[in-house]
Protein backbone atom coordinates (compact mmCIF):
# COMPACT_ATOMS: atom_id res chain seq x y z
CA MET A 1 18.02 -34.82 -0.60
CA GLN A 2 14.71 -33.04 -1.07
CA ILE A 3 11.34 -34.73 -1.59
CA ASP A 4 8.72 -32.71 -3.40
CA ASP A 5 5.48 -34.45 -2.37
CA LYS A 6 2.78 -34.13 -5.02
CA ARG A 7 0.17 -36.07 -3.03
CA LYS A 8 -3.22 -35.71 -4.67
CA CYS A 9 -4.58 -39.17 -5.40
CA MET A 10 -4.22 -40.73 -1.93
CA SER A 11 -4.26 -44.18 -3.52
CA ARG A 12 -3.24 -47.16 -1.43
CA LYS A 13 -1.52 -50.22 -2.87
CA THR A 14 0.12 -53.29 -1.46
CA VAL A 15 3.90 -53.22 -1.72
CA ASN A 16 3.90 -55.99 -4.35
CA GLU A 17 1.65 -53.80 -6.57
CA ILE A 18 4.02 -50.81 -6.34
CA SER A 19 6.43 -50.57 -9.26
CA PHE A 20 10.19 -50.10 -9.05
CA GLY A 21 10.95 -46.43 -8.45
CA GLU A 22 7.51 -45.50 -7.08
CA VAL A 23 7.44 -43.63 -3.78
CA PHE A 24 5.12 -44.47 -0.91
CA PHE A 25 4.49 -42.97 2.52
CA ASN A 26 4.01 -45.05 5.66
CA GLY A 27 2.78 -42.18 7.84
CA LYS A 28 6.26 -41.30 9.03
CA ASP A 29 8.84 -41.81 6.26
CA TYR A 30 8.98 -41.96 2.48
CA PHE A 31 10.14 -45.18 0.84
CA MET A 32 10.94 -46.20 -2.71
CA VAL A 33 10.64 -49.73 -4.04
CA THR A 34 13.98 -50.99 -5.33
CA ASP A 35 14.93 -53.66 -7.82
CA GLN A 36 17.70 -54.82 -5.48
CA GLY A 37 17.32 -58.26 -4.03
CA ASP A 38 18.52 -59.86 -0.86
CA SER A 39 21.97 -61.40 -0.48
CA GLU A 40 21.01 -64.25 -2.81
CA GLY A 41 20.00 -61.87 -5.60
CA TYR A 42 16.24 -62.33 -5.54
CA HIS A 43 13.82 -59.43 -6.05
CA PHE A 44 12.03 -60.37 -2.84
CA ASN A 45 12.44 -62.93 -0.10
CA GLU A 46 9.85 -65.64 -0.77
CA GLU A 47 10.19 -67.14 2.71
CA ASP A 48 9.38 -63.88 4.50
CA ASN A 49 7.25 -62.35 1.70
CA THR A 50 9.27 -59.14 1.84
CA ILE A 51 10.50 -56.68 -0.77
CA LEU A 52 13.53 -54.44 -0.21
CA CYS A 53 12.68 -50.73 -0.17
CA VAL A 54 14.93 -47.75 0.43
CA ASN A 55 14.09 -45.32 3.22
CA LEU A 56 14.51 -41.94 1.54
CA SER A 57 15.36 -40.12 4.77
CA ASP A 58 18.47 -42.17 5.59
CA GLY A 59 19.10 -44.40 2.56
CA ALA A 60 18.74 -47.67 4.48
CA LEU A 61 17.40 -50.76 2.74
CA VAL A 62 14.38 -52.03 4.63
CA PRO A 63 12.55 -55.32 4.01
CA ILE A 64 8.81 -54.60 3.93
CA CYS A 65 6.05 -57.20 3.79
CA GLU A 66 4.66 -57.39 0.27
CA ASP A 67 1.06 -57.54 1.54
CA ASP A 68 1.24 -54.31 3.58
CA GLN A 69 -0.69 -51.38 2.10
CA TYR A 70 0.68 -47.86 1.88
CA GLU A 71 -0.23 -44.55 0.33
CA VAL A 72 1.44 -44.14 -3.06
CA VAL A 73 2.52 -40.56 -3.73
CA LYS A 74 3.38 -38.74 -6.90
CA ALA A 75 6.72 -37.50 -5.77
CA LYS A 76 9.87 -36.20 -7.37
CA VAL A 77 13.07 -37.13 -5.57
CA VAL A 78 15.91 -34.66 -6.10
CA ILE A 79 19.38 -35.78 -5.00
CA GLU A 80 21.82 -32.93 -4.64
């Protein structure tokens, strides 16, 4: 997989403001917000206030706190 980072805006949003499919950067890895829920089928876990995001470097689903702020990037993800 190749990530073509088109970072220009440097805008920061909380995870719950980031739309499905948008890519954000946490300073180390790129993540994409998914529409996949937890094991009970919810979009986010209301008890932990987390949203499932996919780590684009290894494909792992990671629960991230919905109130955390990250840099949103204009990125194109190419899967080969």
